[in-house]
Amino acid sequence: MANNEPLAEQCDFLFVHQEIVDAVQSRMPDEEILYDLADLFKIFADSTRIKILYVLFESEMCVCDIAQLLGMSQSAISHQLRVLKASCLVKNRREGKTVFYSLADDHIKTILDQGLEHVTE
């Protein structure tokens, strides 16, 4: 061990505060819900998808507009939009031959705002 490293905390289960454990366990979401939540956060782990979400936070846009704004190919944007749509983070509407994309709901804006607030503290 290096000179000034703190000792790792240890819990040898000498005494379990069962009432606390039970109370927390009763409020824990089901395992499937936690897996779904982890999958949602995986979607946010890609900077291109974050950029697209921020663009759509500002305005409904088509693939061509997003590609121009972000300096990326339409193919790359379309691929990411498919991922975002499959995760129910964006929705689309058709107007003639053009498909416009927007955020699926206000929860997405809240998640982005909270994340940005956290990283800029």
C-alpha atoms as a PDB file:
ATOM      1  CA  MET A   1       0.000   0.000   0.000  1.00  0.00           C
ATOM      2  CA  ALA A   2       1.269   3.513  -0.863  1.00  0.00           C
ATOM      3  CA  ASN A   3       2.188   5.856   1.976  1.00  0.00           C
ATOM      4  CA  ASN A   4      -0.890   8.075   2.219  1.00  0.00           C
ATOM      5  CA  GLU A   5      -3.634   5.819   0.847  1.00  0.00           C
ATOM      6  CA  PRO A   6      -6.684   5.601   3.108  1.00  0.00           C
ATOM      7  CA  LEU A   7      -7.699   2.194   4.351  1.00  0.00           C
ATOM      8  CA  ALA A   8     -10.593   0.649   2.473  1.00  0.00           C
ATOM      9  CA  GLU A   9     -13.843   0.584   4.392  1.00  0.00           C
ATOM     10  CA  GLN A  10     -14.693  -2.855   5.655  1.00  0.00           C
ATOM     11  CA  CYS A  11     -17.993  -4.390   6.571  1.00  0.00           C
ATOM     12  CA  ASP A  12     -17.623  -7.813   8.056  1.00  0.00           C
ATOM     13  CA  PHE A  13     -21.368  -8.090   8.683  1.00  0.00           C
ATOM     14  CA  LEU A  14     -20.797  -8.045  12.419  1.00  0.00           C
ATOM     15  CA  PHE A  15     -24.015  -6.136  12.824  1.00  0.00           C
ATOM     16  CA  VAL A  16     -26.632  -5.614  10.127  1.00  0.00           C
ATOM     17  CA  HIS A  17     -29.111  -2.791  10.666  1.00  0.00           C
ATOM     18  CA  GLN A  18     -31.964  -4.961   9.436  1.00  0.00           C
ATOM     19  CA  GLU A  19     -34.672  -2.284   9.756  1.00  0.00           C
ATOM     20  CA  ILE A  20     -32.688   0.002   7.460  1.00  0.00           C
ATOM     21  CA  VAL A  21     -31.960  -2.805   5.004  1.00  0.00           C
ATOM     22  CA  ASP A  22     -35.631  -3.843   4.963  1.00  0.00           C
ATOM     23  CA  ALA A  23     -36.875  -0.269   4.512  1.00  0.00           C
ATOM     24  CA  VAL A  24     -34.527   0.412   1.604  1.00  0.00           C
ATOM     25  CA  GLN A  25     -35.220  -2.969   0.013  1.00  0.00           C
ATOM     26  CA  SER A  26     -38.979  -2.320   0.128  1.00  0.00           C
ATOM     27  CA  ARG A  27     -38.468   0.885  -1.887  1.00  0.00           C
ATOM     28  CA  MET A  28     -36.131  -0.619  -4.482  1.00  0.00           C
ATOM     29  CA  PRO A  29     -37.643  -0.899  -7.972  1.00  0.00           C
ATOM     30  CA  ASP A  30     -37.993  -4.350  -9.499  1.00  0.00           C
ATOM     31  CA  GLU A  31     -34.867  -5.789 -11.106  1.00  0.00           C
ATOM     32  CA  GLU A  32     -36.381  -5.473 -14.603  1.00  0.00           C
ATOM     33  CA  ILE A  33     -37.045  -1.760 -14.053  1.00  0.00           C
ATOM     34  CA  LEU A  34     -33.438  -1.234 -12.950  1.00  0.00           C
ATOM     35  CA  TYR A  35     -32.178  -2.999 -16.090  1.00  0.00           C
ATOM     36  CA  ASP A  36     -34.432  -0.770 -18.222  1.00  0.00           C
ATOM     37  CA  LEU A  37     -33.067   2.289 -16.429  1.00  0.00           C
ATOM     38  CA  ALA A  38     -29.492   1.157 -17.071  1.00  0.00           C
ATOM     39  CA  ASP A  39     -30.341   0.670 -20.758  1.00  0.00           C
ATOM     40  CA  LEU A  40     -31.786   4.183 -20.896  1.00  0.00           C
ATOM     41  CA  PHE A  41     -28.581   5.649 -19.509  1.00  0.00           C
ATOM     42  CA  LYS A  42     -26.562   3.680 -22.070  1.00  0.00           C
ATOM     43  CA  ILE A  43     -28.394   5.641 -24.777  1.00  0.00           C
ATOM     44  CA  PHE A  44     -27.182   8.870 -23.172  1.00  0.00           C
ATOM     45  CA  ALA A  45     -23.591   7.563 -23.219  1.00  0.00           C
ATOM     46  CA  ASP A  46     -23.017   8.623 -26.845  1.00  0.00           C
ATOM     47  CA  SER A  47     -22.052  12.255 -27.513  1.00  0.00           C
ATOM     48  CA  THR A  48     -23.666  12.241 -30.985  1.00  0.00           C
ATOM     49  CA  ARG A  49     -26.987  11.198 -29.508  1.00  0.00           C
ATOM     50  CA  ILE A  50     -26.658  13.872 -26.825  1.00  0.00           C
ATOM     51  CA  LYS A  51     -26.026  16.489 -29.523  1.00  0.00           C
ATOM     52  CA  ILE A  52     -29.081  15.331 -31.449  1.00  0.00           C
ATOM     53  CA  LEU A  53     -31.228  15.487 -28.320  1.00  0.00           C
ATOM     54  CA  TYR A  54     -30.016  19.027 -27.615  1.00  0.00           C
ATOM     55  CA  VAL A  55     -30.787  20.051 -31.198  1.00  0.00           C
ATOM     56  CA  LEU A  56     -34.280  18.623 -30.876  1.00  0.00           C
ATOM     57  CA  PHE A  57     -34.651  20.310 -27.499  1.00  0.00           C
ATOM     58  CA  GLU A  58     -34.403  23.600 -29.416  1.00  0.00           C
ATOM     59  CA  SER A  59     -36.511  22.761 -32.446  1.00  0.00           C
ATOM     60  CA  GLU A  60     -38.233  20.037 -34.390  1.00  0.00           C
ATOM     61  CA  MET A  61     -35.962  19.192 -37.331  1.00  0.00           C
ATOM     62  CA  CYS A  62     -35.519  16.848 -40.258  1.00  0.00           C
ATOM     63  CA  VAL A  63     -32.476  14.625 -40.815  1.00  0.00           C
ATOM     64  CA  CYS A  64     -31.007  17.039 -43.404  1.00  0.00           C
ATOM     65  CA  ASP A  65     -31.179  19.979 -40.995  1.00  0.00           C
ATOM     66  CA  ILE A  66     -29.629  18.015 -38.120  1.00  0.00           C
ATOM     67  CA  ALA A  67     -26.851  16.703 -40.371  1.00  0.00           C
ATOM     68  CA  GLN A  68     -26.068  20.241 -41.584  1.00  0.00           C
ATOM     69  CA  LEU A  69     -26.091  21.663 -38.071  1.00  0.00           C
ATOM     70  CA  LEU A  70     -23.845  18.959 -36.611  1.00  0.00           C
ATOM     71  CA  GLY A  71     -21.575  18.621 -39.652  1.00  0.00           C
ATOM     72  CA  MET A  72     -22.319  14.928 -40.025  1.00  0.00           C
ATOM     73  CA  SER A  73     -23.670  12.669 -42.745  1.00  0.00           C
ATOM     74  CA  GLN A  74     -27.389  12.107 -43.092  1.00  0.00           C
ATOM     75  CA  SER A  75     -26.716   8.386 -42.778  1.00  0.00           C
ATOM     76  CA  ALA A  76     -25.000   8.829 -39.399  1.00  0.00           C
ATOM     77  CA  ILE A  77     -27.825  11.042 -38.129  1.00  0.00           C
ATOM     78  CA  SER A  78     -30.481   8.609 -39.379  1.00  0.00           C
ATOM     79  CA  HIS A  79     -28.769   5.729 -37.608  1.00  0.00           C
ATOM     80  CA  GLN A  80     -28.701   7.614 -34.288  1.00  0.00           C
ATOM     81  CA  LEU A  81     -32.296   8.771 -34.716  1.00  0.00           C
ATOM     82  CA  ARG A  82     -33.360   5.123 -35.133  1.00  0.00           C
ATOM     83  CA  VAL A  83     -31.653   4.286 -31.828  1.00  0.00           C
ATOM     84  CA  LEU A  84     -33.278   7.273 -30.104  1.00  0.00           C
ATOM     85  CA  LYS A  85     -36.697   6.453 -31.542  1.00  0.00           C
ATOM     86  CA  ALA A  86     -36.428   2.771 -30.524  1.00  0.00           C
ATOM     87  CA  SER A  87     -35.698   3.979 -26.986  1.00  0.00           C
ATOM     88  CA  CYS A  88     -38.770   6.252 -27.052  1.00  0.00           C
ATOM     89  CA  LEU A  89     -36.633   9.386 -26.659  1.00  0.00           C
ATOM     90  CA  VAL A  90     -37.665  10.966 -29.959  1.00  0.00           C
ATOM     91  CA  LYS A  91     -40.805  10.869 -32.054  1.00  0.00           C
ATOM     92  CA  ASN A  92     -41.430  11.791 -35.663  1.00  0.00           C
ATOM     93  CA  ARG A  93     -44.114  13.138 -37.921  1.00  0.00           C
ATOM     94  CA  ARG A  94     -44.321  13.147 -41.692  1.00  0.00           C
ATOM     95  CA  GLU A  95     -45.059  16.223 -43.764  1.00  0.00           C
ATOM     96  CA  GLY A  96     -45.125  15.217 -47.423  1.00  0.00           C
ATOM     97  CA  LYS A  97     -41.834  13.457 -48.103  1.00  0.00           C
ATOM     98  CA  THR A  98     -40.080  15.040 -45.110  1.00  0.00           C
ATOM     99  CA  VAL A  99     -39.926  13.423 -41.680  1.00  0.00           C
ATOM    100  CA  PHE A 100     -39.529  15.803 -38.760  1.00  0.00           C
ATOM    101  CA  TYR A 101     -38.137  14.657 -35.413  1.00  0.00           C
ATOM    102  CA  SER A 102     -38.741  16.051 -31.934  1.00  0.00           C
ATOM    103  CA  LEU A 103     -38.225  14.985 -28.325  1.00  0.00           C
ATOM    104  CA  ALA A 104     -40.723  12.369 -27.229  1.00  0.00           C
ATOM    105  CA  ASP A 105     -41.704  14.240 -24.062  1.00  0.00           C
ATOM    106  CA  ASP A 106     -40.600  16.758 -21.432  1.00  0.00           C
ATOM    107  CA  HIS A 107     -38.837  14.063 -19.388  1.00  0.00           C
ATOM    108  CA  ILE A 108     -35.997  14.084 -21.912  1.00  0.00           C
ATOM    109  CA  LYS A 109     -35.439  17.799 -21.368  1.00  0.00           C
ATOM    110  CA  THR A 110     -35.435  17.246 -17.601  1.00  0.00           C
ATOM    111  CA  ILE A 111     -32.848  14.459 -17.866  1.00  0.00           C
ATOM    112  CA  LEU A 112     -30.603  16.625 -20.063  1.00  0.00           C
ATOM    113  CA  ASP A 113     -30.982  19.664 -17.794  1.00  0.00           C
ATOM    114  CA  GLN A 114     -30.199  17.659 -14.664  1.00  0.00           C
ATOM    115  CA  GLY A 115     -27.178  16.025 -16.306  1.00  0.00           C
ATOM    116  CA  LEU A 116     -25.828  19.349 -17.534  1.00  0.00           C
ATOM    117  CA  GLU A 117     -26.342  20.922 -14.128  1.00  0.00           C
ATOM    118  CA  HIS A 118     -24.451  18.056 -12.512  1.00  0.00           C
ATOM    119  CA  VAL A 119     -21.433  18.213 -14.840  1.00  0.00           C
ATOM    120  CA  THR A 120     -21.163  22.010 -14.635  1.00  0.00           C
ATOM    121  CA  GLU A 121     -21.244  22.229 -10.802  1.00  0.00           C
END
